[in-house]
Amino acid sequence: MEKQSFIIEIESGLYLVKFPKAFYERESIFAAAYLFRENFQIRIDSIDDHYVGVWFQTKIEQIDSDVKFALGEYCNEVLDQQVRRDLDERYGALREIIYEHAFTPLKRRKAGA
């Protein structure tokens, strides 16, 4: 079986990374892209019903291995953003209860407020 890379070089300096919509939310992809805007011009668009495409155009000429490493880091950042969103959705209410309890003055807790 042929190994397929998730980073596709379209032409010199132009790369595409595809994300399945079933696993990654729009906000995660955009938040991660924002962090990489210094080195790349970025376009995000739907490819079809199942995938979002993120096109990266290098701003300056770079070594291909450096670009692919940076794009791999982008993929890791998208994953990180998505996991944060998933955890916040699942446990956000619990976190708020813990924060509220932790920062409620002791006197108010004793009074039963």
N, C-alpha and C. Protein backbone atom coordinates (compact mmCIF):
# COMPACT_ATOMS: atom_id res chain seq x y z
N MET A 1 0.83 -1.17 0.00
CA MET A 1 0.00 0.00 0.00
C MET A 1 0.88 1.25 0.00
N GLU A 2 0.55 2.20 -0.85
CA GLU A 2 1.33 3.42 -0.97
C GLU A 2 1.03 4.36 0.19
N LYS A 3 2.09 4.89 0.78
CA LYS A 3 1.94 5.81 1.90
C LYS A 3 1.55 7.19 1.36
N GLN A 4 0.45 7.74 1.88
CA GLN A 4 0.00 9.06 1.47
C GLN A 4 0.32 10.06 2.56
N SER A 5 0.89 11.17 2.18
CA SER A 5 1.18 12.23 3.13
C SER A 5 -0.05 13.11 3.29
N PHE A 6 -0.22 13.65 4.47
CA PHE A 6 -1.33 14.57 4.69
C PHE A 6 -0.93 15.99 4.29
N ILE A 7 0.34 16.18 3.94
CA ILE A 7 0.83 17.45 3.43
C ILE A 7 1.14 17.24 1.95
N ILE A 8 0.42 17.96 1.10
CA ILE A 8 0.55 17.78 -0.34
C ILE A 8 1.19 19.02 -0.95
N GLU A 9 2.28 18.82 -1.66
CA GLU A 9 2.90 19.95 -2.36
C GLU A 9 2.20 20.10 -3.71
N ILE A 10 1.53 21.23 -3.90
CA ILE A 10 0.80 21.50 -5.13
C ILE A 10 1.76 21.97 -6.22
N GLU A 11 2.62 22.87 -5.85
CA GLU A 11 3.69 23.38 -6.71
C GLU A 11 4.74 23.98 -5.80
N SER A 12 5.80 24.47 -6.36
CA SER A 12 6.88 25.00 -5.54
C SER A 12 6.36 26.13 -4.64
N GLY A 13 6.46 25.93 -3.33
CA GLY A 13 6.06 26.94 -2.37
C GLY A 13 4.58 26.95 -2.02
N LEU A 14 3.79 26.06 -2.63
CA LEU A 14 2.35 26.00 -2.36
C LEU A 14 1.99 24.60 -1.88
N TYR A 15 1.39 24.53 -0.70
CA TYR A 15 1.09 23.25 -0.07
C TYR A 15 -0.37 23.20 0.36
N LEU A 16 -0.90 22.00 0.42
CA LEU A 16 -2.28 21.77 0.86
C LEU A 16 -2.27 20.76 2.00
N VAL A 17 -3.04 21.08 3.04
CA VAL A 17 -3.27 20.16 4.15
C VAL A 17 -4.78 19.97 4.23
N LYS A 18 -5.22 18.71 4.26
CA LYS A 18 -6.65 18.40 4.31
C LYS A 18 -7.02 17.89 5.69
N PHE A 19 -8.16 18.36 6.19
CA PHE A 19 -8.68 17.92 7.48
C PHE A 19 -10.09 17.39 7.32
N PRO A 20 -10.37 16.22 7.88
CA PRO A 20 -11.75 15.70 7.82
C PRO A 20 -12.68 16.53 8.71
N LYS A 21 -13.78 16.95 8.13
CA LYS A 21 -14.75 17.76 8.87
C LYS A 21 -15.36 16.98 10.04
N ALA A 22 -15.37 15.66 9.95
CA ALA A 22 -15.94 14.84 11.01
C ALA A 22 -15.15 14.94 12.31
N PHE A 23 -13.87 15.30 12.22
CA PHE A 23 -13.01 15.33 13.40
C PHE A 23 -12.57 16.71 13.83
N TYR A 24 -12.51 17.67 12.89
CA TYR A 24 -11.95 18.99 13.18
C TYR A 24 -12.98 20.08 12.92
N GLU A 25 -13.15 20.95 13.90
CA GLU A 25 -14.08 22.06 13.77
C GLU A 25 -13.39 23.26 13.13
N ARG A 26 -14.20 24.08 12.52
CA ARG A 26 -13.73 25.29 11.83
C ARG A 26 -12.87 26.15 12.75
N GLU A 27 -13.32 26.35 13.97
CA GLU A 27 -12.62 27.23 14.91
C GLU A 27 -11.21 26.73 15.22
N SER A 28 -11.04 25.42 15.30
CA SER A 28 -9.72 24.84 15.59
C SER A 28 -8.76 25.09 14.43
N ILE A 29 -9.25 24.92 13.23
CA ILE A 29 -8.42 25.11 12.03
C ILE A 29 -8.03 26.58 11.90
N PHE A 30 -8.98 27.48 12.12
CA PHE A 30 -8.68 28.91 12.02
C PHE A 30 -7.74 29.39 13.12
N ALA A 31 -7.97 28.92 14.35
CA ALA A 31 -7.11 29.34 15.47
C ALA A 31 -5.67 28.93 15.23
N ALA A 32 -5.47 27.72 14.74
CA ALA A 32 -4.11 27.25 14.45
C ALA A 32 -3.50 28.03 13.29
N ALA A 33 -4.28 28.30 12.26
CA ALA A 33 -3.78 29.04 11.09
C ALA A 33 -3.30 30.43 11.50
N TYR A 34 -3.99 31.04 12.41
CA TYR A 34 -3.62 32.38 12.88
C TYR A 34 -2.18 32.41 13.40
N LEU A 35 -1.76 31.33 14.04
CA LEU A 35 -0.42 31.27 14.61
C LEU A 35 0.68 31.11 13.55
N PHE A 36 0.29 30.73 12.33
CA PHE A 36 1.28 30.47 11.27
C PHE A 36 1.27 31.54 10.18
N ARG A 37 0.58 32.63 10.40
CA ARG A 37 0.43 33.66 9.38
C ARG A 37 1.71 34.44 9.11
N GLU A 38 2.65 34.40 10.03
CA GLU A 38 3.90 35.15 9.84
C GLU A 38 4.74 34.59 8.69
N ASN A 39 4.74 33.26 8.55
CA ASN A 39 5.60 32.62 7.55
C ASN A 39 4.86 32.18 6.28
N PHE A 40 3.53 32.18 6.34
CA PHE A 40 2.74 31.69 5.20
C PHE A 40 1.57 32.61 4.91
N GLN A 41 1.20 32.66 3.65
CA GLN A 41 -0.10 33.19 3.27
C GLN A 41 -1.02 31.98 3.29
N ILE A 42 -2.16 32.11 3.91
CA ILE A 42 -3.01 30.95 4.17
C ILE A 42 -4.41 31.18 3.62
N ARG A 43 -4.92 30.15 2.97
CA ARG A 43 -6.31 30.16 2.51
C ARG A 43 -6.99 28.91 3.03
N ILE A 44 -8.17 29.07 3.60
CA ILE A 44 -8.93 27.95 4.13
C ILE A 44 -10.25 27.89 3.37
N ASP A 45 -10.57 26.69 2.87
CA ASP A 45 -11.80 26.54 2.09
C ASP A 45 -12.25 25.09 2.14
N SER A 46 -13.54 24.91 1.96
CA SER A 46 -14.09 23.56 1.91
C SER A 46 -13.66 22.90 0.60
N ILE A 47 -13.23 21.66 0.68
CA ILE A 47 -12.87 20.91 -0.52
C ILE A 47 -14.10 20.18 -1.05
N ASP A 48 -14.82 19.54 -0.14
CA ASP A 48 -16.06 18.83 -0.45
C ASP A 48 -16.85 18.67 0.83
N ASP A 49 -17.83 17.78 0.84
CA ASP A 49 -18.66 17.60 2.03
C ASP A 49 -17.89 17.01 3.21
N HIS A 50 -16.73 16.41 2.94
CA HIS A 50 -16.02 15.68 3.98
C HIS A 50 -14.70 16.32 4.42
N TYR A 51 -14.13 17.22 3.62
CA TYR A 51 -12.80 17.76 3.93
C TYR A 51 -12.75 19.28 3.83
N VAL A 52 -11.91 19.86 4.69
CA VAL A 52 -11.53 21.26 4.63
C VAL A 52 -10.10 21.29 4.16
N GLY A 53 -9.81 22.17 3.23
CA GLY A 53 -8.44 22.33 2.75
C GLY A 53 -7.82 23.60 3.28
N VAL A 54 -6.56 23.51 3.66
CA VAL A 54 -5.80 24.67 4.11
C VAL A 54 -4.59 24.78 3.18
N TRP A 55 -4.57 25.84 2.38
CA TRP A 55 -3.47 26.05 1.44
C TRP A 55 -2.48 27.01 2.06
N PHE A 56 -1.22 26.66 1.97
CA PHE A 56 -0.13 27.47 2.51
C PHE A 56 0.79 27.89 1.37
N GLN A 57 0.98 29.17 1.22
CA GLN A 57 1.95 29.72 0.26
C GLN A 57 3.07 30.32 1.06
N THR A 58 4.30 29.86 0.84
CA THR A 58 5.42 30.39 1.59
C THR A 58 5.63 31.86 1.23
N LYS A 59 5.98 32.67 2.22
CA LYS A 59 6.22 34.09 1.98
C LYS A 59 7.63 34.33 1.46
N ILE A 60 8.56 33.47 1.89
CA ILE A 60 9.93 33.55 1.40
C ILE A 60 10.35 32.14 0.98
N GLU A 61 11.34 32.05 0.14
CA GLU A 61 11.80 30.74 -0.30
C GLU A 61 12.40 29.98 0.88
N GLN A 62 11.94 28.74 1.04
CA GLN A 62 12.37 27.92 2.16
C GLN A 62 12.72 26.52 1.66
N ILE A 63 13.51 25.83 2.44
CA ILE A 63 13.85 24.44 2.13
C ILE A 63 12.60 23.59 2.35
N ASP A 64 12.33 22.69 1.43
CA ASP A 64 11.12 21.86 1.47
C ASP A 64 10.96 21.13 2.80
N SER A 65 12.04 20.60 3.34
CA SER A 65 11.93 19.86 4.61
C SER A 65 11.54 20.79 5.76
N ASP A 66 12.01 22.05 5.72
CA ASP A 66 11.63 23.02 6.76
C ASP A 66 10.14 23.36 6.66
N VAL A 67 9.66 23.51 5.42
CA VAL A 67 8.25 23.82 5.23
C VAL A 67 7.39 22.65 5.71
N LYS A 68 7.76 21.45 5.33
CA LYS A 68 6.97 20.29 5.75
C LYS A 68 7.01 20.11 7.26
N PHE A 69 8.12 20.42 7.90
CA PHE A 69 8.19 20.37 9.35
C PHE A 69 7.22 21.40 9.95
N ALA A 70 7.24 22.63 9.42
CA ALA A 70 6.35 23.68 9.92
C ALA A 70 4.89 23.29 9.72
N LEU A 71 4.57 22.69 8.60
CA LEU A 71 3.19 22.28 8.34
C LEU A 71 2.79 21.11 9.24
N GLY A 72 3.73 20.25 9.57
CA GLY A 72 3.48 19.20 10.55
C GLY A 72 3.17 19.80 11.91
N GLU A 73 3.90 20.86 12.27
CA GLU A 73 3.62 21.56 13.51
C GLU A 73 2.24 22.22 13.47
N TYR A 74 1.86 22.72 12.31
CA TYR A 74 0.51 23.27 12.15
C TYR A 74 -0.54 22.18 12.43
N CYS A 75 -0.35 21.01 11.87
CA CYS A 75 -1.28 19.90 12.10
C CYS A 75 -1.37 19.56 13.59
N ASN A 76 -0.23 19.56 14.27
CA ASN A 76 -0.23 19.31 15.71
C ASN A 76 -1.00 20.41 16.45
N GLU A 77 -0.85 21.64 16.00
CA GLU A 77 -1.57 22.76 16.64
C GLU A 77 -3.07 22.65 16.42
N VAL A 78 -3.49 22.23 15.23
CA VAL A 78 -4.92 22.02 14.98
C VAL A 78 -5.45 20.95 15.92
N LEU A 79 -4.71 19.86 16.05
CA LEU A 79 -5.11 18.79 16.97
C LEU A 79 -5.21 19.32 18.40
N ASP A 80 -4.23 20.09 18.83
CA ASP A 80 -4.23 20.67 20.17
C ASP A 80 -5.46 21.56 20.38
N GLN A 81 -5.74 22.41 19.41
CA GLN A 81 -6.90 23.30 19.49
C GLN A 81 -8.19 22.49 19.58
N GLN A 82 -8.28 21.42 18.79
CA GLN A 82 -9.49 20.60 18.79
C GLN A 82 -9.67 19.87 20.12
N VAL A 83 -8.60 19.33 20.66
CA VAL A 83 -8.68 18.65 21.94
C VAL A 83 -9.12 19.63 23.03
N ARG A 84 -8.59 20.84 23.01
CA ARG A 84 -9.01 21.85 23.98
C ARG A 84 -10.50 22.13 23.88
N ARG A 85 -10.98 22.27 22.64
CA ARG A 85 -12.41 22.51 22.43
C ARG A 85 -13.24 21.34 22.93
N ASP A 86 -12.81 20.13 22.62
CA ASP A 86 -13.55 18.94 23.05
C ASP A 86 -13.59 18.83 24.57
N LEU A 87 -12.46 19.08 25.22
CA LEU A 87 -12.41 19.02 26.67
C LEU A 87 -13.26 20.12 27.31
N ASP A 88 -13.20 21.30 26.71
CA ASP A 88 -14.00 22.40 27.23
C ASP A 88 -15.49 22.10 27.10
N GLU A 89 -15.87 21.52 25.98
CA GLU A 89 -17.28 21.15 25.78
C GLU A 89 -17.72 20.09 26.79
N ARG A 90 -16.84 19.14 27.03
CA ARG A 90 -17.19 18.03 27.92
C ARG A 90 -17.12 18.42 29.40
N TYR A 91 -16.08 19.17 29.78
CA TYR A 91 -15.84 19.43 31.20
C TYR A 91 -15.88 20.90 31.59
N GLY A 92 -16.25 21.77 30.66
CA GLY A 92 -16.24 23.21 30.94
C GLY A 92 -17.10 23.61 32.12
N ALA A 93 -18.30 23.02 32.23
CA ALA A 93 -19.20 23.35 33.33
C ALA A 93 -18.58 22.93 34.67
N LEU A 94 -17.96 21.77 34.70
CA LEU A 94 -17.30 21.30 35.92
C LEU A 94 -16.16 22.23 36.31
N ARG A 95 -15.39 22.65 35.31
CA ARG A 95 -14.28 23.59 35.57
C ARG A 95 -14.80 24.88 36.19
N GLU A 96 -15.91 25.40 35.68
CA GLU A 96 -16.48 26.63 36.21
C GLU A 96 -16.93 26.45 37.66
N ILE A 97 -17.51 25.30 37.97
CA ILE A 97 -17.93 25.03 39.35
C ILE A 97 -16.72 24.99 40.28
N ILE A 98 -15.65 24.34 39.83
CA ILE A 98 -14.42 24.27 40.64
C ILE A 98 -13.83 25.66 40.84
N TYR A 99 -13.75 26.46 39.77
CA TYR A 99 -13.23 27.83 39.89
C TYR A 99 -14.07 28.64 40.87
N GLU A 100 -15.38 28.55 40.71
CA GLU A 100 -16.26 29.32 41.58
C GLU A 100 -16.06 28.93 43.04
N HIS A 101 -15.97 27.64 43.28
CA HIS A 101 -15.76 27.17 44.65
C HIS A 101 -14.39 27.60 45.19
N ALA A 102 -13.40 27.49 44.36
CA ALA A 102 -12.03 27.82 44.80
C ALA A 102 -11.87 29.29 45.12
N PHE A 103 -12.59 30.15 44.40
CA PHE A 103 -12.38 31.58 44.58
C PHE A 103 -13.49 32.26 45.36
N THR A 104 -14.44 31.51 45.86
CA THR A 104 -15.46 32.07 46.73
C THR A 104 -14.81 32.31 48.09
N PRO A 105 -14.97 33.50 48.63
CA PRO A 105 -14.37 33.77 49.94
C PRO A 105 -14.86 32.77 50.99
N LEU A 106 -13.98 32.40 51.86
CA LEU A 106 -14.26 31.41 52.90
C LEU A 106 -15.46 31.82 53.76
N LYS A 107 -15.59 33.10 54.05
CA LYS A 107 -16.68 33.59 54.87
C LYS A 107 -18.03 33.30 54.19
N ARG A 108 -18.12 33.50 52.89
CA ARG A 108 -19.37 33.25 52.15
C ARG A 108 -19.70 31.76 52.16
N ARG A 109 -18.67 30.91 52.07
CA ARG A 109 -18.90 29.46 52.10
C ARG A 109 -19.48 29.03 53.44
N LYS A 110 -18.95 29.57 54.52
CA LYS A 110 -19.44 29.22 55.87
C LYS A 110 -20.87 29.69 56.07
N ALA A 111 -21.22 30.82 55.49
CA ALA A 111 -22.55 31.38 55.63
C ALA A 111 -23.57 30.61 54.79
N GLY A 112 -23.07 29.76 53.91
CA GLY A 112 -23.97 28.96 53.07
C GLY A 112 -24.44 29.68 51.83
N ALA A 113 -23.79 30.75 51.43
CA ALA A 113 -24.20 31.51 50.25
C ALA A 113 -23.78 30.84 48.98
